[in-house]
Amino acid sequence: MAARSNITPLCQNILLLGTSTPTKTPNWKENRLKRLLLTALLAIVLLISLAAPAQAGNPANGAKLFNANCAACHMGGNNVILAKKTLKKEALEQYGMASLDAIKNQVTKGKNAMPSFRGRLNTTQIEDVATYVLEQSQKGW
């Protein structure tokens, strides 16, 4: 035993590894718990970011563009051509138009009596108008 006292601490630890009970199990459990909590936290952050509505456009600019380009037919969220197809929340939901993508597509391509605004508005302006329309529909115009 006297010879062991001259062994460096590192060597003592190596010698003890074979004789003591493994300490790996508690550390493994702790690491597993940490990984599980980190994974759960990342999943929650991802779900929140996906669930939050993407309001990428500028609604203030969208309001100006709407008044200059859309209000003649859609004043106050109404529709002077097809009265039942308003820009109000209920109608947008009924006709599958209650999303930014759907509204941007409608403004870009047009449909039925509504003309395409692709040549008059750029993609940023169309996004702004769509953001404004969706926001206003949720507020009740």
N, C-alpha and C. Protein backbone atom coordinates (compact mmCIF):
# COMPACT_ATOMS: atom_id res chain seq x y z
N MET A 1 0.81 -1.20 0.00
CA MET A 1 0.00 0.00 0.00
C MET A 1 0.85 1.25 0.00
N ALA A 2 2.04 1.15 0.56
CA ALA A 2 2.90 2.31 0.59
C ALA A 2 3.27 2.74 -0.81
N ALA A 3 3.38 1.79 -1.71
CA ALA A 3 3.72 2.12 -3.08
C ALA A 3 2.61 2.92 -3.75
N ARG A 4 1.38 2.67 -3.34
CA ARG A 4 0.25 3.39 -3.93
C ARG A 4 0.26 4.86 -3.56
N SER A 5 0.80 5.23 -2.42
CA SER A 5 0.78 6.63 -2.00
C SER A 5 1.67 7.48 -2.89
N ASN A 6 2.63 6.86 -3.57
CA ASN A 6 3.50 7.60 -4.48
C ASN A 6 2.90 7.73 -5.88
N ILE A 7 1.77 7.10 -6.14
CA ILE A 7 1.14 7.16 -7.45
C ILE A 7 0.41 8.48 -7.60
N THR A 8 0.50 9.05 -8.77
CA THR A 8 -0.17 10.33 -9.01
C THR A 8 -1.68 10.17 -8.92
N PRO A 9 -2.40 11.25 -8.63
CA PRO A 9 -3.86 11.17 -8.52
C PRO A 9 -4.52 10.61 -9.78
N LEU A 10 -4.01 10.94 -10.94
CA LEU A 10 -4.57 10.42 -12.18
C LEU A 10 -4.47 8.91 -12.23
N CYS A 11 -3.31 8.39 -11.87
CA CYS A 11 -3.12 6.94 -11.87
C CYS A 11 -4.01 6.28 -10.82
N GLN A 12 -4.20 6.93 -9.67
CA GLN A 12 -5.08 6.37 -8.64
C GLN A 12 -6.50 6.25 -9.17
N ASN A 13 -6.94 7.27 -9.89
CA ASN A 13 -8.29 7.22 -10.47
C ASN A 13 -8.43 6.08 -11.47
N ILE A 14 -7.39 5.88 -12.27
CA ILE A 14 -7.43 4.79 -13.25
C ILE A 14 -7.50 3.45 -12.53
N LEU A 15 -6.72 3.29 -11.46
CA LEU A 15 -6.73 2.04 -10.71
C LEU A 15 -8.09 1.81 -10.04
N LEU A 16 -8.69 2.88 -9.56
CA LEU A 16 -9.96 2.76 -8.87
C LEU A 16 -11.12 2.47 -9.82
N LEU A 17 -10.95 2.79 -11.07
CA LEU A 17 -12.03 2.57 -12.02
C LEU A 17 -12.45 1.11 -12.07
N GLY A 18 -11.51 0.24 -12.01
CA GLY A 18 -11.84 -1.18 -12.08
C GLY A 18 -12.39 -1.74 -10.80
N THR A 19 -12.20 -1.07 -9.65
CA THR A 19 -12.62 -1.63 -8.37
C THR A 19 -13.86 -0.99 -7.80
N SER A 20 -14.16 0.24 -8.18
CA SER A 20 -15.32 0.90 -7.58
C SER A 20 -16.57 0.63 -8.40
N THR A 21 -17.72 0.97 -7.83
CA THR A 21 -18.98 0.81 -8.57
C THR A 21 -19.04 1.89 -9.65
N PRO A 22 -19.58 1.56 -10.77
CA PRO A 22 -19.60 2.54 -11.86
C PRO A 22 -20.39 3.78 -11.50
N THR A 23 -19.83 4.92 -11.81
CA THR A 23 -20.53 6.19 -11.58
C THR A 23 -21.18 6.70 -12.86
N LYS A 24 -21.12 5.91 -13.90
CA LYS A 24 -21.65 6.34 -15.19
C LYS A 24 -23.18 6.40 -15.21
N THR A 25 -23.85 5.55 -14.47
CA THR A 25 -25.31 5.49 -14.51
C THR A 25 -25.96 6.80 -14.09
N PRO A 26 -25.60 7.42 -12.93
CA PRO A 26 -26.25 8.69 -12.59
C PRO A 26 -25.96 9.79 -13.60
N ASN A 27 -24.70 9.87 -14.08
CA ASN A 27 -24.37 10.89 -15.07
C ASN A 27 -25.14 10.65 -16.36
N TRP A 28 -25.27 9.40 -16.76
CA TRP A 28 -26.01 9.07 -17.97
C TRP A 28 -27.46 9.50 -17.83
N LYS A 29 -28.04 9.23 -16.66
CA LYS A 29 -29.44 9.62 -16.42
C LYS A 29 -29.58 11.14 -16.43
N GLU A 30 -28.63 11.82 -15.82
CA GLU A 30 -28.68 13.29 -15.80
C GLU A 30 -28.55 13.84 -17.22
N ASN A 31 -27.63 13.30 -17.99
CA ASN A 31 -27.45 13.76 -19.37
C ASN A 31 -28.69 13.46 -20.21
N ARG A 32 -29.28 12.30 -19.98
CA ARG A 32 -30.48 11.94 -20.72
C ARG A 32 -31.62 12.91 -20.39
N LEU A 33 -31.75 13.24 -19.11
CA LEU A 33 -32.79 14.18 -18.69
C LEU A 33 -32.54 15.56 -19.31
N LYS A 34 -31.29 15.99 -19.31
CA LYS A 34 -30.96 17.29 -19.91
C LYS A 34 -31.28 17.30 -21.39
N ARG A 35 -30.93 16.22 -22.10
CA ARG A 35 -31.23 16.14 -23.52
C ARG A 35 -32.74 16.14 -23.76
N LEU A 36 -33.46 15.41 -22.91
CA LEU A 36 -34.91 15.36 -23.05
C LEU A 36 -35.53 16.73 -22.83
N LEU A 37 -35.08 17.44 -21.80
CA LEU A 37 -35.60 18.78 -21.53
C LEU A 37 -35.24 19.76 -22.64
N LEU A 38 -34.03 19.66 -23.16
CA LEU A 38 -33.62 20.53 -24.26
C LEU A 38 -34.45 20.25 -25.50
N THR A 39 -34.69 18.99 -25.80
CA THR A 39 -35.50 18.61 -26.95
C THR A 39 -36.93 19.14 -26.79
N ALA A 40 -37.48 18.99 -25.58
CA ALA A 40 -38.84 19.48 -25.33
C ALA A 40 -38.90 20.99 -25.49
N LEU A 41 -37.90 21.69 -24.99
CA LEU A 41 -37.86 23.14 -25.10
C LEU A 41 -37.78 23.57 -26.57
N LEU A 42 -36.93 22.92 -27.34
CA LEU A 42 -36.82 23.25 -28.76
C LEU A 42 -38.12 22.96 -29.51
N ALA A 43 -38.79 21.87 -29.15
CA ALA A 43 -40.07 21.54 -29.78
C ALA A 43 -41.11 22.61 -29.47
N ILE A 44 -41.14 23.08 -28.24
CA ILE A 44 -42.10 24.12 -27.85
C ILE A 44 -41.83 25.41 -28.62
N VAL A 45 -40.57 25.80 -28.70
CA VAL A 45 -40.21 27.01 -29.44
C VAL A 45 -40.60 26.88 -30.91
N LEU A 46 -40.35 25.72 -31.49
CA LEU A 46 -40.70 25.50 -32.89
C LEU A 46 -42.21 25.57 -33.10
N LEU A 47 -42.98 24.95 -32.20
CA LEU A 47 -44.43 24.99 -32.32
C LEU A 47 -44.98 26.40 -32.18
N ILE A 48 -44.42 27.15 -31.27
CA ILE A 48 -44.89 28.52 -31.08
C ILE A 48 -44.58 29.35 -32.31
N SER A 49 -43.39 29.17 -32.86
CA SER A 49 -43.03 29.97 -34.04
C SER A 49 -43.87 29.58 -35.25
N LEU A 50 -44.26 28.32 -35.37
CA LEU A 50 -45.10 27.90 -36.48
C LEU A 50 -46.55 28.29 -36.28
N ALA A 51 -47.00 28.33 -35.03
CA ALA A 51 -48.39 28.63 -34.75
C ALA A 51 -48.69 30.12 -34.83
N ALA A 52 -47.69 30.94 -34.58
CA ALA A 52 -47.90 32.38 -34.62
C ALA A 52 -48.15 32.82 -36.06
N PRO A 53 -49.17 33.64 -36.27
CA PRO A 53 -49.44 34.08 -37.62
C PRO A 53 -48.29 34.93 -38.15
N ALA A 54 -47.92 34.68 -39.36
CA ALA A 54 -46.83 35.42 -39.97
C ALA A 54 -47.36 36.73 -40.53
N GLN A 55 -47.05 37.82 -39.88
CA GLN A 55 -47.45 39.14 -40.34
C GLN A 55 -46.22 39.80 -40.96
N ALA A 56 -45.84 39.31 -42.12
CA ALA A 56 -44.60 39.77 -42.74
C ALA A 56 -44.76 41.13 -43.39
N GLY A 57 -45.96 41.44 -43.85
CA GLY A 57 -46.17 42.70 -44.56
C GLY A 57 -46.33 43.88 -43.63
N ASN A 58 -46.36 45.05 -44.22
CA ASN A 58 -46.54 46.30 -43.49
C ASN A 58 -47.99 46.75 -43.64
N PRO A 59 -48.80 46.58 -42.58
CA PRO A 59 -50.22 46.91 -42.70
C PRO A 59 -50.49 48.40 -42.94
N ALA A 60 -49.64 49.28 -42.44
CA ALA A 60 -49.85 50.72 -42.68
C ALA A 60 -49.68 51.03 -44.17
N ASN A 61 -48.65 50.50 -44.78
CA ASN A 61 -48.46 50.68 -46.22
C ASN A 61 -49.57 49.96 -46.99
N GLY A 62 -49.99 48.79 -46.48
CA GLY A 62 -51.08 48.04 -47.09
C GLY A 62 -52.36 48.83 -47.12
N ALA A 63 -52.63 49.60 -46.06
CA ALA A 63 -53.84 50.43 -46.01
C ALA A 63 -53.83 51.49 -47.11
N LYS A 64 -52.68 52.11 -47.31
CA LYS A 64 -52.57 53.13 -48.37
C LYS A 64 -52.78 52.49 -49.75
N LEU A 65 -52.13 51.35 -49.95
CA LEU A 65 -52.27 50.66 -51.24
C LEU A 65 -53.69 50.17 -51.46
N PHE A 66 -54.32 49.68 -50.40
CA PHE A 66 -55.71 49.21 -50.49
C PHE A 66 -56.63 50.36 -50.90
N ASN A 67 -56.45 51.50 -50.24
CA ASN A 67 -57.30 52.66 -50.55
C ASN A 67 -57.09 53.14 -51.99
N ALA A 68 -55.88 53.02 -52.49
CA ALA A 68 -55.59 53.48 -53.85
C ALA A 68 -55.99 52.47 -54.93
N ASN A 69 -56.00 51.17 -54.59
CA ASN A 69 -56.20 50.14 -55.61
C ASN A 69 -57.42 49.25 -55.42
N CYS A 70 -57.89 49.11 -54.20
CA CYS A 70 -58.92 48.09 -53.91
C CYS A 70 -60.24 48.66 -53.40
N ALA A 71 -60.17 49.84 -52.80
CA ALA A 71 -61.34 50.38 -52.11
C ALA A 71 -62.52 50.65 -53.03
N ALA A 72 -62.29 50.88 -54.31
CA ALA A 72 -63.40 51.12 -55.23
C ALA A 72 -64.38 49.95 -55.23
N CYS A 73 -63.88 48.74 -55.10
CA CYS A 73 -64.74 47.56 -55.06
C CYS A 73 -64.91 46.98 -53.66
N HIS A 74 -63.96 47.26 -52.77
CA HIS A 74 -63.95 46.61 -51.46
C HIS A 74 -63.98 47.58 -50.28
N MET A 75 -64.61 48.71 -50.42
CA MET A 75 -64.70 49.69 -49.34
C MET A 75 -65.29 49.03 -48.09
N GLY A 76 -64.61 49.21 -46.97
CA GLY A 76 -65.09 48.67 -45.70
C GLY A 76 -65.12 47.15 -45.66
N GLY A 77 -64.38 46.50 -46.53
CA GLY A 77 -64.34 45.03 -46.54
C GLY A 77 -65.49 44.41 -47.32
N ASN A 78 -66.28 45.22 -47.98
CA ASN A 78 -67.41 44.71 -48.77
C ASN A 78 -66.95 44.34 -50.18
N ASN A 79 -67.90 43.94 -51.02
CA ASN A 79 -67.61 43.60 -52.40
C ASN A 79 -68.79 44.11 -53.24
N VAL A 80 -68.55 45.12 -54.05
CA VAL A 80 -69.66 45.70 -54.83
C VAL A 80 -70.01 44.85 -56.04
N ILE A 81 -69.17 43.93 -56.45
CA ILE A 81 -69.44 43.09 -57.61
C ILE A 81 -70.17 41.81 -57.19
N LEU A 82 -69.60 41.08 -56.23
CA LEU A 82 -70.22 39.85 -55.69
C LEU A 82 -70.44 40.06 -54.20
N ALA A 83 -71.63 40.50 -53.84
CA ALA A 83 -71.92 40.94 -52.48
C ALA A 83 -71.60 39.89 -51.40
N LYS A 84 -71.75 38.60 -51.71
CA LYS A 84 -71.50 37.59 -50.68
C LYS A 84 -70.01 37.30 -50.46
N LYS A 85 -69.17 37.68 -51.40
CA LYS A 85 -67.73 37.41 -51.29
C LYS A 85 -67.01 38.66 -50.78
N THR A 86 -67.26 38.96 -49.52
CA THR A 86 -66.64 40.13 -48.89
C THR A 86 -65.24 39.78 -48.39
N LEU A 87 -64.62 40.76 -47.79
CA LEU A 87 -63.31 40.56 -47.18
C LEU A 87 -63.44 40.43 -45.66
N LYS A 88 -64.63 40.12 -45.23
CA LYS A 88 -64.87 39.94 -43.79
C LYS A 88 -64.46 38.53 -43.39
N LYS A 89 -64.10 38.39 -42.14
CA LYS A 89 -63.52 37.14 -41.63
C LYS A 89 -64.35 35.91 -41.99
N GLU A 90 -65.64 35.98 -41.78
CA GLU A 90 -66.51 34.83 -42.03
C GLU A 90 -66.48 34.41 -43.51
N ALA A 91 -66.54 35.40 -44.40
CA ALA A 91 -66.53 35.10 -45.83
C ALA A 91 -65.16 34.57 -46.27
N LEU A 92 -64.09 35.16 -45.75
CA LEU A 92 -62.75 34.68 -46.09
C LEU A 92 -62.59 33.22 -45.66
N GLU A 93 -63.08 32.90 -44.47
CA GLU A 93 -63.00 31.52 -43.99
C GLU A 93 -63.87 30.59 -44.84
N GLN A 94 -65.07 31.03 -45.17
CA GLN A 94 -66.00 30.22 -45.95
C GLN A 94 -65.43 29.88 -47.32
N TYR A 95 -64.73 30.83 -47.93
CA TYR A 95 -64.22 30.62 -49.29
C TYR A 95 -62.73 30.23 -49.32
N GLY A 96 -62.17 29.85 -48.17
CA GLY A 96 -60.77 29.40 -48.12
C GLY A 96 -59.77 30.50 -48.40
N MET A 97 -60.10 31.70 -48.00
CA MET A 97 -59.22 32.84 -48.29
C MET A 97 -58.66 33.49 -47.02
N ALA A 98 -58.78 32.84 -45.88
CA ALA A 98 -58.38 33.44 -44.61
C ALA A 98 -56.91 33.20 -44.28
N SER A 99 -56.03 33.40 -45.25
CA SER A 99 -54.59 33.29 -44.99
C SER A 99 -53.85 34.28 -45.88
N LEU A 100 -52.66 34.65 -45.46
CA LEU A 100 -51.87 35.58 -46.26
C LEU A 100 -51.60 35.01 -47.65
N ASP A 101 -51.25 33.74 -47.70
CA ASP A 101 -50.94 33.13 -49.00
C ASP A 101 -52.13 33.16 -49.95
N ALA A 102 -53.31 32.85 -49.44
CA ALA A 102 -54.51 32.85 -50.29
C ALA A 102 -54.82 34.25 -50.80
N ILE A 103 -54.70 35.23 -49.92
CA ILE A 103 -55.00 36.61 -50.32
C ILE A 103 -53.95 37.12 -51.30
N LYS A 104 -52.68 36.82 -51.04
CA LYS A 104 -51.62 37.23 -51.97
C LYS A 104 -51.84 36.60 -53.35
N ASN A 105 -52.23 35.34 -53.36
CA ASN A 105 -52.49 34.67 -54.63
C ASN A 105 -53.64 35.33 -55.39
N GLN A 106 -54.71 35.66 -54.68
CA GLN A 106 -55.87 36.31 -55.30
C GLN A 106 -55.49 37.68 -55.87
N VAL A 107 -54.74 38.46 -55.09
CA VAL A 107 -54.34 39.79 -55.55
C VAL A 107 -53.38 39.67 -56.73
N THR A 108 -52.48 38.73 -56.67
CA THR A 108 -51.48 38.56 -57.74
C THR A 108 -52.11 38.08 -59.03
N LYS A 109 -52.94 37.06 -58.95
CA LYS A 109 -53.47 36.42 -60.16
C LYS A 109 -54.85 36.91 -60.57
N GLY A 110 -55.61 37.44 -59.61
CA GLY A 110 -56.99 37.80 -59.89
C GLY A 110 -57.85 36.54 -60.01
N LYS A 111 -59.16 36.74 -60.07
CA LYS A 111 -60.07 35.60 -60.20
C LYS A 111 -61.47 36.15 -60.47
N ASN A 112 -62.18 35.49 -61.38
CA ASN A 112 -63.52 35.94 -61.76
C ASN A 112 -63.48 37.42 -62.16
N ALA A 113 -64.26 38.25 -61.50
CA ALA A 113 -64.33 39.67 -61.87
C ALA A 113 -63.14 40.48 -61.35
N MET A 114 -62.38 39.91 -60.44
CA MET A 114 -61.25 40.65 -59.88
C MET A 114 -60.03 40.54 -60.79
N PRO A 115 -59.47 41.68 -61.18
CA PRO A 115 -58.30 41.63 -62.05
C PRO A 115 -57.02 41.28 -61.29
N SER A 116 -56.02 40.87 -62.02
CA SER A 116 -54.70 40.63 -61.45
C SER A 116 -54.03 41.98 -61.18
N PHE A 117 -53.33 42.06 -60.06
CA PHE A 117 -52.59 43.28 -59.74
C PHE A 117 -51.08 43.06 -59.89
N ARG A 118 -50.71 41.97 -60.54
CA ARG A 118 -49.29 41.63 -60.72
C ARG A 118 -48.53 42.77 -61.42
N GLY A 119 -49.10 43.36 -62.42
CA GLY A 119 -48.42 44.43 -63.15
C GLY A 119 -48.44 45.77 -62.45
N ARG A 120 -49.39 45.97 -61.54
CA ARG A 120 -49.53 47.26 -60.85
C ARG A 120 -48.80 47.31 -59.52
N LEU A 121 -48.75 46.16 -58.83
CA LEU A 121 -48.10 46.11 -57.51
C LEU A 121 -46.96 45.09 -57.54
N ASN A 122 -45.88 45.42 -56.84
CA ASN A 122 -44.79 44.44 -56.73
C ASN A 122 -45.09 43.47 -55.59
N THR A 123 -44.25 42.48 -55.42
CA THR A 123 -44.53 41.43 -54.42
C THR A 123 -44.58 41.98 -53.00
N THR A 124 -43.75 42.95 -52.68
CA THR A 124 -43.77 43.54 -51.34
C THR A 124 -45.09 44.29 -51.12
N GLN A 125 -45.53 45.03 -52.10
CA GLN A 125 -46.79 45.76 -51.99
C GLN A 125 -47.97 44.80 -51.86
N ILE A 126 -47.94 43.71 -52.61
CA ILE A 126 -49.01 42.70 -52.52
C ILE A 126 -49.03 42.08 -51.13
N GLU A 127 -47.86 41.82 -50.59
CA GLU A 127 -47.78 41.28 -49.22
C GLU A 127 -48.33 42.29 -48.21
N ASP A 128 -48.03 43.56 -48.41
CA ASP A 128 -48.55 44.60 -47.52
C ASP A 128 -50.08 44.66 -47.58
N VAL A 129 -50.64 44.63 -48.79
CA VAL A 129 -52.10 44.66 -48.94
C VAL A 129 -52.73 43.43 -48.30
N ALA A 130 -52.14 42.27 -48.53
CA ALA A 130 -52.69 41.03 -47.96
C ALA A 130 -52.65 41.07 -46.44
N THR A 131 -51.56 41.59 -45.89
CA THR A 131 -51.44 41.73 -44.43
C THR A 131 -52.51 42.66 -43.90
N TYR A 132 -52.72 43.77 -44.58
CA TYR A 132 -53.75 44.73 -44.17
C TYR A 132 -55.14 44.10 -44.23
N VAL A 133 -55.45 43.43 -45.31
CA VAL A 133 -56.78 42.81 -45.48
C VAL A 133 -57.01 41.77 -44.39
N LEU A 134 -56.03 40.90 -44.15
CA LEU A 134 -56.19 39.86 -43.13
C LEU A 134 -56.35 40.49 -41.74
N GLU A 135 -55.54 41.49 -41.46
CA GLU A 135 -55.62 42.17 -40.16
C GLU A 135 -56.98 42.83 -39.99
N GLN A 136 -57.45 43.52 -41.00
CA GLN A 136 -58.75 44.20 -40.93
C GLN A 136 -59.89 43.19 -40.79
N SER A 137 -59.78 42.06 -41.47
CA SER A 137 -60.85 41.04 -41.36
C SER A 137 -60.93 40.52 -39.93
N GLN A 138 -59.79 40.38 -39.30
CA GLN A 138 -59.77 39.88 -37.91
C GLN A 138 -60.30 40.93 -36.93
N LYS A 139 -60.18 42.20 -37.30
CA LYS A 139 -60.69 43.29 -36.46
C LYS A 139 -62.16 43.60 -36.75
N GLY A 140 -62.69 43.04 -37.81
CA GLY A 140 -64.10 43.30 -38.15
C GLY A 140 -64.29 44.51 -39.05
N TRP A 141 -63.24 44.96 -39.70
CA TRP A 141 -63.29 46.12 -40.58
C TRP A 141 -63.84 47.29 -39.82
